């Protein structure tokens, strides 16, 4: 392909009323420092999962403070999706959430149990749904109006996919609260670019083509 003939950016979809407006909240109560971890944190290998477990276990107070803030900011909200780093991390998060209002889904959750949990969540019998890399794409629960990111990723598109779980239109839903505790600095409205983020200090630079006016993105 030599030329892009049409683009439909996220911002236009939101403005036109096809998606719910994301509201990014500066969740400054606490962040995880994932900056020393290796890149390619999209499909975790066992060694990377072990590193993540060690990192989050060193800071239990961070997880507790984050969960307390999620609960506080979710008052009056319909559905909360929490993306955890590992299974152990997800179980730790569950320990800080209201027991009768939270459920967990991982790759090891049996299909029958998973289907029951998801049905309960969609019926709003459960408010908080914690998951580990299983509900990032294609999952459809339109009432979700809070997205809490507690797992790192080097992919902007994966970041957008997770946030996108809360952008479906639904009755009595005016916006989606996005809580990013990974300190990634990604822009929800910026598309994926060819190369991965070199380091945590790197920033996106937008350069317009003088001929076609296409907005090119570089690190």
N, C-alpha and C. Protein backbone atom coordinates (compact mmCIF):
# COMPACT_ATOMS: atom_id res chain seq x y z
N UNK A 1 0.84 -1.19 0.00
CA UNK A 1 0.00 0.00 0.00
C UNK A 1 0.88 1.24 0.00
N UNK A 2 0.55 2.18 -0.86
CA UNK A 2 1.36 3.39 -1.02
C UNK A 2 0.76 4.60 -0.31
N UNK A 3 -0.54 4.55 -0.02
CA UNK A 3 -1.18 5.76 0.49
C UNK A 3 -2.35 5.41 1.41
N UNK A 4 -2.51 6.18 2.46
CA UNK A 4 -3.68 6.04 3.34
C UNK A 4 -4.80 6.89 2.73
N UNK A 5 -5.93 6.24 2.40
CA UNK A 5 -7.01 6.97 1.73
C UNK A 5 -8.10 7.43 2.68
N UNK A 6 -8.12 6.88 3.89
CA UNK A 6 -9.17 7.30 4.82
C UNK A 6 -8.75 6.99 6.25
N UNK A 7 -9.05 7.90 7.15
CA UNK A 7 -8.77 7.70 8.57
C UNK A 7 -10.01 8.06 9.38
N UNK A 8 -10.29 7.30 10.41
CA UNK A 8 -11.39 7.60 11.31
C UNK A 8 -10.85 7.56 12.74
N UNK A 9 -10.31 8.67 13.20
CA UNK A 9 -9.66 8.69 14.52
C UNK A 9 -10.66 8.61 15.67
N UNK A 10 -10.14 8.16 16.80
CA UNK A 10 -10.96 7.99 18.00
C UNK A 10 -11.64 9.28 18.42
N UNK A 11 -10.91 10.38 18.33
CA UNK A 11 -11.47 11.65 18.77
C UNK A 11 -12.73 12.01 17.98
N UNK A 12 -12.72 11.73 16.68
CA UNK A 12 -13.89 12.03 15.85
C UNK A 12 -15.06 11.13 16.20
N UNK A 13 -14.77 9.86 16.50
CA UNK A 13 -15.83 8.93 16.89
C UNK A 13 -16.50 9.37 18.18
N UNK A 14 -15.70 9.87 19.12
CA UNK A 14 -16.24 10.37 20.39
C UNK A 14 -17.08 11.62 20.15
N UNK A 15 -16.52 12.55 19.37
CA UNK A 15 -17.20 13.81 19.10
C UNK A 15 -18.51 13.60 18.34
N UNK A 16 -18.55 12.58 17.48
CA UNK A 16 -19.75 12.29 16.69
C UNK A 16 -20.77 11.46 17.46
N UNK A 17 -20.42 11.06 18.67
CA UNK A 17 -21.38 10.34 19.50
C UNK A 17 -21.43 8.85 19.30
N UNK A 18 -20.41 8.27 18.65
CA UNK A 18 -20.37 6.83 18.44
C UNK A 18 -19.68 6.11 19.59
N UNK A 19 -18.88 6.82 20.36
CA UNK A 19 -18.20 6.25 21.52
C UNK A 19 -18.36 7.18 22.72
N UNK A 20 -18.24 6.62 23.91
CA UNK A 20 -18.31 7.40 25.14
C UNK A 20 -17.01 8.18 25.34
N UNK A 21 -17.12 9.36 25.86
CA UNK A 21 -15.93 10.19 26.09
C UNK A 21 -15.09 9.64 27.24
N UNK A 22 -13.79 9.39 27.02
CA UNK A 22 -12.92 8.97 28.12
C UNK A 22 -12.47 10.18 28.94
N UNK A 23 -12.53 10.03 30.25
CA UNK A 23 -12.07 11.08 31.15
C UNK A 23 -10.87 10.54 31.92
N UNK A 24 -9.68 10.98 31.55
CA UNK A 24 -8.46 10.50 32.21
C UNK A 24 -8.27 11.24 33.53
N UNK A 25 -8.22 10.48 34.61
CA UNK A 25 -8.06 11.07 35.94
C UNK A 25 -6.62 10.91 36.38
N UNK A 26 -6.03 11.99 36.86
CA UNK A 26 -4.65 11.95 37.33
C UNK A 26 -4.61 11.24 38.68
N UNK A 27 -4.50 9.93 38.62
CA UNK A 27 -4.53 9.11 39.84
C UNK A 27 -3.18 9.16 40.52
N UNK A 28 -2.93 10.25 41.20
CA UNK A 28 -1.59 10.50 41.76
C UNK A 28 -1.40 9.90 43.15
N UNK A 29 -2.40 9.17 43.66
CA UNK A 29 -2.26 8.62 45.00
C UNK A 29 -1.07 7.66 45.08
N UNK A 30 -0.84 6.90 44.01
CA UNK A 30 0.29 5.95 43.98
C UNK A 30 0.43 5.40 42.57
N UNK A 31 1.68 5.06 42.21
CA UNK A 31 1.95 4.43 40.92
C UNK A 31 2.93 3.29 41.12
N UNK A 32 2.89 2.33 40.22
CA UNK A 32 3.92 1.30 40.19
C UNK A 32 5.06 1.79 39.32
N UNK A 33 6.28 1.47 39.72
CA UNK A 33 7.46 1.84 38.93
C UNK A 33 7.87 0.66 38.07
N UNK A 34 7.34 0.63 36.85
CA UNK A 34 7.65 -0.46 35.92
C UNK A 34 8.82 -0.10 35.00
N UNK A 35 9.47 1.02 35.24
CA UNK A 35 10.47 1.53 34.31
C UNK A 35 11.69 0.62 34.17
N UNK A 36 12.00 -0.19 35.17
CA UNK A 36 13.19 -1.04 35.12
C UNK A 36 12.91 -2.42 34.52
N UNK A 37 11.67 -2.67 34.22
CA UNK A 37 11.33 -3.95 33.62
C UNK A 37 11.69 -3.96 32.15
N UNK A 38 11.92 -5.14 31.57
CA UNK A 38 12.25 -5.22 30.15
C UNK A 38 11.07 -4.83 29.29
N UNK A 39 11.33 -4.53 28.02
CA UNK A 39 10.27 -4.19 27.09
C UNK A 39 9.52 -5.44 26.65
N UNK A 40 8.61 -5.29 25.70
CA UNK A 40 7.79 -6.40 25.20
C UNK A 40 6.94 -7.01 26.31
N UNK A 41 6.26 -6.17 27.06
CA UNK A 41 5.43 -6.64 28.15
C UNK A 41 3.97 -6.78 27.70
N UNK A 42 3.76 -7.36 26.54
CA UNK A 42 2.41 -7.52 26.02
C UNK A 42 1.90 -8.93 26.27
N UNK A 43 2.63 -9.93 25.78
CA UNK A 43 2.35 -11.33 26.08
C UNK A 43 3.46 -11.82 27.00
N UNK A 44 3.16 -11.87 28.29
CA UNK A 44 4.19 -12.09 29.30
C UNK A 44 4.75 -13.50 29.25
N UNK A 45 6.08 -13.58 29.32
CA UNK A 45 6.76 -14.85 29.48
C UNK A 45 6.87 -15.14 30.98
N UNK A 46 7.10 -16.42 31.36
CA UNK A 46 7.18 -16.76 32.78
C UNK A 46 8.20 -15.93 33.54
N UNK A 47 9.35 -15.65 32.95
CA UNK A 47 10.38 -14.87 33.65
C UNK A 47 9.90 -13.45 33.89
N UNK A 48 9.19 -12.87 32.92
CA UNK A 48 8.69 -11.52 33.08
C UNK A 48 7.58 -11.48 34.12
N UNK A 49 6.74 -12.52 34.13
CA UNK A 49 5.67 -12.57 35.13
C UNK A 49 6.25 -12.66 36.53
N UNK A 50 7.35 -13.40 36.68
CA UNK A 50 8.00 -13.50 37.98
C UNK A 50 8.54 -12.13 38.41
N UNK A 51 9.13 -11.39 37.46
CA UNK A 51 9.64 -10.06 37.77
C UNK A 51 8.52 -9.12 38.20
N UNK A 52 7.39 -9.21 37.50
CA UNK A 52 6.25 -8.38 37.86
C UNK A 52 5.73 -8.73 39.24
N UNK A 53 5.65 -10.03 39.53
CA UNK A 53 5.19 -10.46 40.85
C UNK A 53 6.09 -9.91 41.95
N UNK A 54 7.40 -9.99 41.73
CA UNK A 54 8.35 -9.49 42.72
C UNK A 54 8.21 -7.99 42.92
N UNK A 55 7.95 -7.27 41.81
CA UNK A 55 7.83 -5.82 41.90
C UNK A 55 6.59 -5.42 42.69
N UNK A 56 5.44 -5.98 42.35
CA UNK A 56 4.21 -5.56 43.02
C UNK A 56 4.16 -6.04 44.47
N UNK A 57 4.81 -7.19 44.77
CA UNK A 57 4.82 -7.70 46.14
C UNK A 57 5.65 -6.81 47.07
N UNK A 58 6.61 -6.09 46.49
CA UNK A 58 7.44 -5.21 47.30
C UNK A 58 6.67 -3.97 47.77
N UNK A 59 5.52 -3.72 47.13
CA UNK A 59 4.79 -2.49 47.43
C UNK A 59 3.31 -2.78 47.71
N UNK A 60 3.02 -3.58 48.75
CA UNK A 60 1.62 -3.90 49.05
C UNK A 60 0.81 -2.66 49.42
N UNK A 61 1.47 -1.67 50.03
CA UNK A 61 0.75 -0.45 50.40
C UNK A 61 0.32 0.33 49.16
N UNK A 62 1.11 0.22 48.10
CA UNK A 62 0.75 0.89 46.84
C UNK A 62 -0.54 0.27 46.30
N UNK A 63 -0.60 -1.05 46.27
CA UNK A 63 -1.79 -1.74 45.78
C UNK A 63 -3.00 -1.41 46.63
N UNK A 64 -2.82 -1.40 47.94
CA UNK A 64 -3.93 -1.09 48.83
C UNK A 64 -4.43 0.34 48.62
N UNK A 65 -3.50 1.29 48.51
CA UNK A 65 -3.89 2.69 48.29
C UNK A 65 -4.61 2.86 46.96
N UNK A 66 -4.11 2.17 45.94
CA UNK A 66 -4.74 2.24 44.62
C UNK A 66 -6.17 1.69 44.68
N UNK A 67 -6.34 0.54 45.30
CA UNK A 67 -7.67 -0.06 45.38
C UNK A 67 -8.64 0.82 46.17
N UNK A 68 -8.15 1.42 47.23
CA UNK A 68 -9.00 2.33 48.01
C UNK A 68 -9.44 3.51 47.16
N UNK A 69 -8.52 4.02 46.33
CA UNK A 69 -8.89 5.14 45.47
C UNK A 69 -9.87 4.71 44.38
N UNK A 70 -9.66 3.53 43.81
CA UNK A 70 -10.58 3.03 42.80
C UNK A 70 -11.99 2.93 43.37
N UNK A 71 -12.11 2.38 44.57
CA UNK A 71 -13.42 2.26 45.21
C UNK A 71 -14.04 3.63 45.42
N UNK A 72 -13.23 4.57 45.90
CA UNK A 72 -13.72 5.93 46.17
C UNK A 72 -14.20 6.62 44.90
N UNK A 73 -13.37 6.55 43.84
CA UNK A 73 -13.71 7.23 42.59
C UNK A 73 -14.84 6.54 41.84
N UNK A 74 -15.11 5.29 42.19
CA UNK A 74 -16.16 4.53 41.50
C UNK A 74 -17.52 4.66 42.17
N UNK A 75 -17.60 5.45 43.21
CA UNK A 75 -18.89 5.67 43.87
C UNK A 75 -19.88 6.27 42.87
N UNK A 76 -21.01 5.63 42.73
CA UNK A 76 -22.01 6.11 41.79
C UNK A 76 -21.80 5.63 40.36
N UNK A 77 -20.72 4.87 40.12
CA UNK A 77 -20.44 4.34 38.79
C UNK A 77 -21.09 2.96 38.62
N UNK A 78 -21.25 2.53 37.36
CA UNK A 78 -21.99 1.30 37.08
C UNK A 78 -21.12 0.04 37.08
N UNK A 79 -19.96 0.11 36.37
CA UNK A 79 -19.12 -1.08 36.25
C UNK A 79 -17.66 -0.72 36.17
N UNK A 80 -16.82 -1.48 36.87
CA UNK A 80 -15.40 -1.20 36.96
C UNK A 80 -14.60 -2.40 36.46
N UNK A 81 -13.74 -2.18 35.46
CA UNK A 81 -12.83 -3.22 34.99
C UNK A 81 -11.42 -2.89 35.44
N UNK A 82 -10.77 -3.84 36.10
CA UNK A 82 -9.42 -3.65 36.61
C UNK A 82 -8.49 -4.63 35.90
N UNK A 83 -7.44 -4.10 35.28
CA UNK A 83 -6.47 -4.92 34.56
C UNK A 83 -5.23 -5.10 35.44
N UNK A 84 -5.03 -6.32 35.91
CA UNK A 84 -3.92 -6.63 36.81
C UNK A 84 -2.72 -7.14 36.03
N UNK A 85 -1.55 -7.11 36.65
CA UNK A 85 -0.30 -7.51 36.00
C UNK A 85 -0.15 -9.02 35.92
N UNK A 86 -0.43 -9.72 37.01
CA UNK A 86 -0.28 -11.17 37.08
C UNK A 86 -1.44 -11.75 37.88
N UNK A 87 -1.52 -13.09 37.91
CA UNK A 87 -2.58 -13.75 38.67
C UNK A 87 -2.43 -13.46 40.16
N UNK A 88 -1.21 -13.54 40.68
CA UNK A 88 -0.98 -13.24 42.09
C UNK A 88 -1.37 -11.79 42.40
N UNK A 89 -1.05 -10.90 41.48
CA UNK A 89 -1.40 -9.50 41.65
C UNK A 89 -2.91 -9.32 41.68
N UNK A 90 -3.60 -10.03 40.79
CA UNK A 90 -5.07 -9.94 40.73
C UNK A 90 -5.70 -10.43 42.03
N UNK A 91 -5.14 -11.52 42.59
CA UNK A 91 -5.66 -12.05 43.84
C UNK A 91 -5.43 -11.06 44.98
N UNK A 92 -4.29 -10.38 44.95
CA UNK A 92 -4.02 -9.37 45.97
C UNK A 92 -5.02 -8.22 45.85
N UNK A 93 -5.29 -7.80 44.63
CA UNK A 93 -6.26 -6.73 44.41
C UNK A 93 -7.64 -7.13 44.95
N UNK A 94 -8.03 -8.38 44.69
CA UNK A 94 -9.32 -8.86 45.16
C UNK A 94 -9.46 -8.74 46.67
N UNK A 95 -8.34 -8.88 47.38
CA UNK A 95 -8.36 -8.80 48.83
C UNK A 95 -8.70 -7.42 49.35
N UNK A 96 -8.58 -6.40 48.52
CA UNK A 96 -8.87 -5.04 48.93
C UNK A 96 -10.22 -4.53 48.42
N UNK A 97 -10.92 -5.35 47.64
CA UNK A 97 -12.21 -4.95 47.08
C UNK A 97 -13.35 -5.56 47.90
N UNK A 98 -14.54 -4.95 47.85
CA UNK A 98 -15.69 -5.53 48.55
C UNK A 98 -15.97 -6.95 48.05
N UNK A 99 -15.97 -7.93 48.94
CA UNK A 99 -16.05 -9.33 48.55
C UNK A 99 -17.33 -9.66 47.77
N UNK A 100 -18.43 -9.05 48.16
CA UNK A 100 -19.70 -9.37 47.52
C UNK A 100 -19.93 -8.57 46.23
N UNK A 101 -18.94 -7.71 45.86
CA UNK A 101 -19.11 -6.88 44.67
C UNK A 101 -18.02 -7.11 43.63
N UNK A 102 -17.11 -8.06 43.88
CA UNK A 102 -15.95 -8.23 42.99
C UNK A 102 -15.78 -9.69 42.57
N UNK A 103 -15.30 -9.88 41.34
CA UNK A 103 -14.98 -11.19 40.82
C UNK A 103 -13.68 -11.11 40.02
N UNK A 104 -13.05 -12.26 39.80
CA UNK A 104 -11.77 -12.32 39.11
C UNK A 104 -11.85 -13.32 37.96
N UNK A 105 -11.23 -12.97 36.83
CA UNK A 105 -11.16 -13.86 35.67
C UNK A 105 -9.71 -13.92 35.19
N UNK A 106 -9.18 -15.14 35.06
CA UNK A 106 -7.83 -15.33 34.53
C UNK A 106 -7.89 -16.40 33.45
N UNK A 107 -6.74 -16.68 32.86
CA UNK A 107 -6.68 -17.73 31.83
C UNK A 107 -6.99 -19.10 32.41
N UNK A 108 -6.84 -19.26 33.73
CA UNK A 108 -7.09 -20.55 34.37
C UNK A 108 -8.53 -20.72 34.84
N UNK A 109 -9.32 -19.68 34.71
CA UNK A 109 -10.72 -19.76 35.14
C UNK A 109 -11.49 -20.69 34.20
N UNK A 110 -12.12 -21.76 34.69
CA UNK A 110 -12.88 -22.67 33.83
C UNK A 110 -13.96 -21.92 33.04
N UNK A 111 -14.22 -22.37 31.83
CA UNK A 111 -15.16 -21.66 30.95
C UNK A 111 -16.54 -21.48 31.58
N UNK A 112 -17.04 -22.52 32.24
CA UNK A 112 -18.36 -22.42 32.86
C UNK A 112 -18.39 -21.35 33.93
N UNK A 113 -17.36 -21.34 34.77
CA UNK A 113 -17.26 -20.33 35.83
C UNK A 113 -17.06 -18.94 35.23
N UNK A 114 -16.22 -18.86 34.20
CA UNK A 114 -15.97 -17.57 33.56
C UNK A 114 -17.25 -17.00 32.97
N UNK A 115 -18.01 -17.83 32.29
CA UNK A 115 -19.27 -17.38 31.69
C UNK A 115 -20.24 -16.88 32.75
N UNK A 116 -20.30 -17.59 33.88
CA UNK A 116 -21.18 -17.18 34.98
C UNK A 116 -20.75 -15.82 35.54
N UNK A 117 -19.43 -15.64 35.73
CA UNK A 117 -18.91 -14.38 36.26
C UNK A 117 -19.21 -13.24 35.30
N UNK A 118 -18.99 -13.46 34.02
CA UNK A 118 -19.22 -12.41 33.02
C UNK A 118 -20.71 -12.06 32.94
N UNK A 119 -21.58 -13.07 32.99
CA UNK A 119 -23.02 -12.79 32.98
C UNK A 119 -23.42 -11.96 34.19
N UNK A 120 -22.86 -12.29 35.35
CA UNK A 120 -23.16 -11.54 36.57
C UNK A 120 -22.69 -10.10 36.46
N UNK A 121 -21.51 -9.93 35.84
CA UNK A 121 -20.96 -8.58 35.68
C UNK A 121 -21.82 -7.76 34.71
N UNK A 122 -22.20 -8.37 33.60
CA UNK A 122 -23.02 -7.66 32.61
C UNK A 122 -24.40 -7.32 33.17
N UNK A 123 -24.90 -8.16 34.07
CA UNK A 123 -26.19 -7.90 34.70
C UNK A 123 -26.06 -6.92 35.85
N UNK A 124 -24.83 -6.48 36.12
CA UNK A 124 -24.50 -5.52 37.17
C UNK A 124 -24.78 -6.07 38.57
N UNK A 125 -24.76 -7.40 38.69
CA UNK A 125 -24.82 -8.03 40.00
C UNK A 125 -23.45 -7.96 40.67
N UNK A 126 -22.42 -7.77 39.84
CA UNK A 126 -21.04 -7.59 40.30
C UNK A 126 -20.54 -6.26 39.75
N UNK A 127 -19.92 -5.46 40.59
CA UNK A 127 -19.48 -4.12 40.16
C UNK A 127 -18.04 -4.11 39.67
N UNK A 128 -17.16 -4.88 40.33
CA UNK A 128 -15.74 -4.87 40.01
C UNK A 128 -15.34 -6.19 39.34
N UNK A 129 -14.72 -6.10 38.18
CA UNK A 129 -14.25 -7.30 37.48
C UNK A 129 -12.74 -7.17 37.27
N UNK A 130 -11.97 -8.01 37.95
CA UNK A 130 -10.52 -8.02 37.85
C UNK A 130 -10.12 -9.10 36.85
N UNK A 131 -9.22 -8.76 35.93
CA UNK A 131 -8.80 -9.77 34.96
C UNK A 131 -7.30 -9.63 34.66
N UNK A 132 -6.75 -10.72 34.12
CA UNK A 132 -5.33 -10.76 33.77
C UNK A 132 -5.21 -11.17 32.30
N UNK A 133 -5.10 -10.20 31.42
CA UNK A 133 -4.82 -10.43 29.99
C UNK A 133 -5.84 -11.32 29.28
N UNK A 134 -7.08 -11.34 29.74
CA UNK A 134 -8.08 -12.17 29.05
C UNK A 134 -9.27 -11.36 28.53
N UNK A 135 -9.43 -10.15 28.99
CA UNK A 135 -10.57 -9.33 28.57
C UNK A 135 -10.10 -8.01 27.96
N UNK A 136 -8.94 -8.04 27.32
CA UNK A 136 -8.37 -6.81 26.77
C UNK A 136 -8.97 -6.42 25.43
N UNK A 137 -9.37 -7.40 24.62
CA UNK A 137 -9.91 -7.10 23.29
C UNK A 137 -11.21 -7.86 23.07
N UNK A 138 -12.16 -7.22 22.41
CA UNK A 138 -13.39 -7.88 22.02
C UNK A 138 -14.43 -8.04 23.11
N UNK A 139 -14.08 -7.83 24.35
CA UNK A 139 -15.03 -7.99 25.45
C UNK A 139 -16.05 -6.85 25.41
N UNK A 140 -17.33 -7.19 25.48
CA UNK A 140 -18.38 -6.20 25.31
C UNK A 140 -19.29 -6.15 26.54
N UNK A 141 -19.10 -5.14 27.36
CA UNK A 141 -19.98 -4.86 28.50
C UNK A 141 -20.20 -3.35 28.49
N UNK A 142 -21.19 -2.87 27.73
CA UNK A 142 -21.37 -1.44 27.50
C UNK A 142 -21.50 -0.57 28.74
N UNK A 143 -21.97 -1.16 29.85
CA UNK A 143 -22.19 -0.34 31.05
C UNK A 143 -20.90 0.06 31.75
N UNK A 144 -19.77 -0.55 31.39
CA UNK A 144 -18.49 -0.25 32.06
C UNK A 144 -18.16 1.23 31.92
N UNK A 145 -17.98 1.91 33.04
CA UNK A 145 -17.67 3.34 33.00
C UNK A 145 -16.45 3.70 33.84
N UNK A 146 -15.69 2.68 34.28
CA UNK A 146 -14.40 2.90 34.94
C UNK A 146 -13.41 1.85 34.45
N UNK A 147 -12.26 2.30 33.97
CA UNK A 147 -11.18 1.41 33.57
C UNK A 147 -9.97 1.73 34.44
N UNK A 148 -9.47 0.73 35.16
CA UNK A 148 -8.30 0.91 36.01
C UNK A 148 -7.16 0.04 35.50
N UNK A 149 -6.06 0.67 35.11
CA UNK A 149 -4.92 -0.03 34.52
C UNK A 149 -3.82 -0.20 35.56
N UNK A 150 -3.58 -1.45 35.97
CA UNK A 150 -2.54 -1.75 36.94
C UNK A 150 -1.51 -2.70 36.34
N UNK A 151 -1.47 -2.79 35.02
CA UNK A 151 -0.49 -3.65 34.34
C UNK A 151 0.23 -2.84 33.27
N UNK A 152 1.54 -3.07 33.10
CA UNK A 152 2.30 -2.33 32.10
C UNK A 152 2.15 -2.92 30.72
N UNK A 153 2.38 -2.12 29.70
CA UNK A 153 2.46 -2.60 28.33
C UNK A 153 3.30 -1.61 27.52
N UNK A 154 4.03 -2.15 26.56
CA UNK A 154 4.82 -1.30 25.67
C UNK A 154 4.05 -0.99 24.39
N UNK A 155 2.82 -1.46 24.29
CA UNK A 155 2.03 -1.27 23.07
C UNK A 155 0.94 -0.23 23.29
N UNK A 156 0.98 0.83 22.51
CA UNK A 156 -0.07 1.84 22.61
C UNK A 156 -1.41 1.25 22.19
N UNK A 157 -1.41 0.39 21.17
CA UNK A 157 -2.66 -0.19 20.70
C UNK A 157 -3.30 -1.07 21.77
N UNK A 158 -2.50 -1.82 22.52
CA UNK A 158 -3.05 -2.64 23.61
C UNK A 158 -3.60 -1.74 24.71
N UNK A 159 -2.88 -0.67 25.00
CA UNK A 159 -3.36 0.31 25.97
C UNK A 159 -4.73 0.84 25.54
N UNK A 160 -4.85 1.19 24.24
CA UNK A 160 -6.12 1.69 23.72
C UNK A 160 -7.22 0.63 23.76
N UNK A 161 -6.85 -0.63 23.52
CA UNK A 161 -7.82 -1.70 23.57
C UNK A 161 -8.40 -1.86 24.97
N UNK A 162 -7.54 -1.78 25.98
CA UNK A 162 -8.01 -1.90 27.35
C UNK A 162 -8.94 -0.75 27.71
N UNK A 163 -8.53 0.46 27.36
CA UNK A 163 -9.37 1.63 27.62
C UNK A 163 -10.69 1.51 26.85
N UNK A 164 -10.61 0.96 25.64
CA UNK A 164 -11.78 0.83 24.80
C UNK A 164 -12.89 -0.01 25.38
N UNK A 165 -12.57 -0.88 26.38
CA UNK A 165 -13.63 -1.69 27.01
C UNK A 165 -14.64 -0.80 27.71
N UNK A 166 -14.26 0.45 27.99
CA UNK A 166 -15.18 1.34 28.69
C UNK A 166 -15.79 2.42 27.81
N UNK A 167 -15.56 2.35 26.51
CA UNK A 167 -16.03 3.42 25.61
C UNK A 167 -17.30 3.07 24.85
N UNK A 168 -17.89 1.90 25.10
CA UNK A 168 -19.16 1.56 24.45
C UNK A 168 -20.27 2.46 24.99
N UNK A 169 -21.24 2.74 24.13
CA UNK A 169 -22.39 3.55 24.53
C UNK A 169 -23.34 2.72 25.37
N UNK A 170 -23.96 3.36 26.37
CA UNK A 170 -24.90 2.66 27.24
C UNK A 170 -25.82 3.69 27.89
N UNK A 171 -27.07 3.33 28.18
CA UNK A 171 -27.99 4.25 28.84
C UNK A 171 -27.44 4.75 30.17
N UNK A 172 -27.71 6.01 30.46
CA UNK A 172 -27.29 6.65 31.71
C UNK A 172 -25.77 6.68 31.89
N UNK A 173 -25.06 6.60 30.80
CA UNK A 173 -23.59 6.64 30.84
C UNK A 173 -23.13 7.87 30.07
N UNK A 174 -22.44 8.77 30.76
CA UNK A 174 -22.03 10.02 30.13
C UNK A 174 -20.55 10.06 29.78
N UNK A 175 -19.74 9.29 30.50
CA UNK A 175 -18.30 9.25 30.23
C UNK A 175 -17.71 7.99 30.83
N UNK A 176 -16.43 7.79 30.58
CA UNK A 176 -15.71 6.64 31.16
C UNK A 176 -14.47 7.17 31.88
N UNK A 177 -14.37 6.85 33.14
CA UNK A 177 -13.23 7.28 33.95
C UNK A 177 -12.06 6.33 33.71
N UNK A 178 -10.93 6.87 33.30
CA UNK A 178 -9.73 6.07 33.03
C UNK A 178 -8.69 6.36 34.10
N UNK A 179 -8.29 5.32 34.83
CA UNK A 179 -7.31 5.43 35.91
C UNK A 179 -6.08 4.63 35.53
N UNK A 180 -4.99 5.33 35.23
CA UNK A 180 -3.76 4.66 34.80
C UNK A 180 -2.73 4.74 35.92
N UNK A 181 -2.50 3.58 36.57
CA UNK A 181 -1.55 3.53 37.68
C UNK A 181 -0.18 3.02 37.25
N UNK A 182 0.06 2.93 35.95
CA UNK A 182 1.33 2.43 35.45
C UNK A 182 2.28 3.57 35.07
N UNK A 183 1.76 4.80 35.09
CA UNK A 183 2.58 5.96 34.73
C UNK A 183 3.15 5.82 33.31
N UNK A 184 2.33 5.29 32.39
CA UNK A 184 2.79 5.04 31.02
C UNK A 184 2.92 6.32 30.21
N UNK A 185 2.04 7.28 30.46
CA UNK A 185 2.11 8.53 29.71
C UNK A 185 1.53 8.44 28.31
N UNK A 186 0.84 7.34 27.99
CA UNK A 186 0.27 7.19 26.65
C UNK A 186 -0.94 8.09 26.47
N UNK A 187 -1.15 8.51 25.21
CA UNK A 187 -2.31 9.31 24.85
C UNK A 187 -3.35 8.38 24.24
N UNK A 188 -4.53 8.34 24.83
CA UNK A 188 -5.60 7.47 24.34
C UNK A 188 -5.90 7.73 22.87
N UNK A 189 -5.78 8.98 22.45
CA UNK A 189 -6.19 9.37 21.10
C UNK A 189 -5.10 9.22 20.06
N UNK A 190 -3.88 8.85 20.47
CA UNK A 190 -2.79 8.67 19.52
C UNK A 190 -2.73 7.23 19.05
N UNK A 191 -2.60 6.99 17.76
CA UNK A 191 -2.53 5.62 17.24
C UNK A 191 -1.18 4.98 17.51
N UNK A 192 -1.11 3.68 17.27
CA UNK A 192 0.14 2.94 17.40
C UNK A 192 1.12 3.42 16.34
N UNK A 193 2.39 3.45 16.67
CA UNK A 193 3.42 3.78 15.68
C UNK A 193 4.33 2.58 15.50
N UNK A 194 5.17 2.64 14.47
CA UNK A 194 5.94 1.47 14.07
C UNK A 194 6.88 0.93 15.11
N UNK A 195 7.56 1.77 15.83
CA UNK A 195 8.57 1.29 16.78
C UNK A 195 8.06 1.37 18.21
N UNK A 196 8.59 0.51 19.06
CA UNK A 196 8.20 0.51 20.46
C UNK A 196 8.82 1.70 21.18
N UNK A 197 8.24 2.03 22.30
CA UNK A 197 8.74 3.14 23.10
C UNK A 197 10.14 2.81 23.62
N UNK A 198 11.17 3.60 23.26
CA UNK A 198 12.55 3.27 23.63
C UNK A 198 12.78 3.22 25.14
N UNK A 199 12.20 4.19 25.87
CA UNK A 199 12.35 4.21 27.32
C UNK A 199 11.23 5.07 27.91
N UNK A 200 11.16 5.08 29.24
CA UNK A 200 10.06 5.76 29.91
C UNK A 200 10.07 7.27 29.72
N UNK A 201 11.23 7.83 29.39
CA UNK A 201 11.33 9.27 29.21
C UNK A 201 10.97 9.72 27.80
N UNK A 202 10.82 8.78 26.87
CA UNK A 202 10.52 9.12 25.48
C UNK A 202 9.13 9.73 25.35
N UNK A 203 9.01 10.70 24.45
CA UNK A 203 7.75 11.36 24.20
C UNK A 203 7.40 11.29 22.72
N UNK A 204 6.11 11.24 22.41
CA UNK A 204 5.67 11.22 21.02
C UNK A 204 5.82 12.61 20.39
N UNK A 205 6.36 12.62 19.17
CA UNK A 205 6.50 13.87 18.42
C UNK A 205 5.66 13.73 17.15
N UNK A 206 4.82 14.72 16.89
CA UNK A 206 3.95 14.70 15.72
C UNK A 206 4.52 15.63 14.65
N UNK A 207 4.73 15.07 13.45
CA UNK A 207 5.30 15.84 12.34
C UNK A 207 4.36 15.74 11.14
N UNK A 208 3.91 16.87 10.68
CA UNK A 208 2.97 16.90 9.55
C UNK A 208 3.71 16.84 8.22
N UNK A 209 3.23 15.99 7.31
CA UNK A 209 3.80 15.93 5.97
C UNK A 209 3.41 17.18 5.19
N UNK A 210 4.37 17.91 4.61
CA UNK A 210 4.05 19.15 3.89
C UNK A 210 3.28 18.93 2.59
N UNK A 211 3.26 17.69 2.10
CA UNK A 211 2.56 17.42 0.85
C UNK A 211 1.12 16.94 1.06
N UNK A 212 0.94 15.92 1.90
CA UNK A 212 -0.40 15.36 2.08
C UNK A 212 -1.04 15.74 3.41
N UNK A 213 -0.28 16.41 4.29
CA UNK A 213 -0.76 16.87 5.60
C UNK A 213 -1.06 15.72 6.56
N UNK A 214 -0.54 14.52 6.25
CA UNK A 214 -0.71 13.40 7.17
C UNK A 214 0.12 13.64 8.43
N UNK A 215 -0.46 13.30 9.60
CA UNK A 215 0.23 13.51 10.86
C UNK A 215 1.06 12.28 11.21
N UNK A 216 2.39 12.39 11.03
CA UNK A 216 3.30 11.28 11.33
C UNK A 216 3.74 11.35 12.79
N UNK A 217 3.89 10.16 13.39
CA UNK A 217 4.28 10.09 14.79
C UNK A 217 5.63 9.39 14.92
N UNK A 218 6.49 9.98 15.75
CA UNK A 218 7.82 9.41 16.01
C UNK A 218 8.11 9.54 17.50
N UNK A 219 9.04 8.68 17.98
CA UNK A 219 9.52 8.84 19.35
C UNK A 219 10.60 9.91 19.37
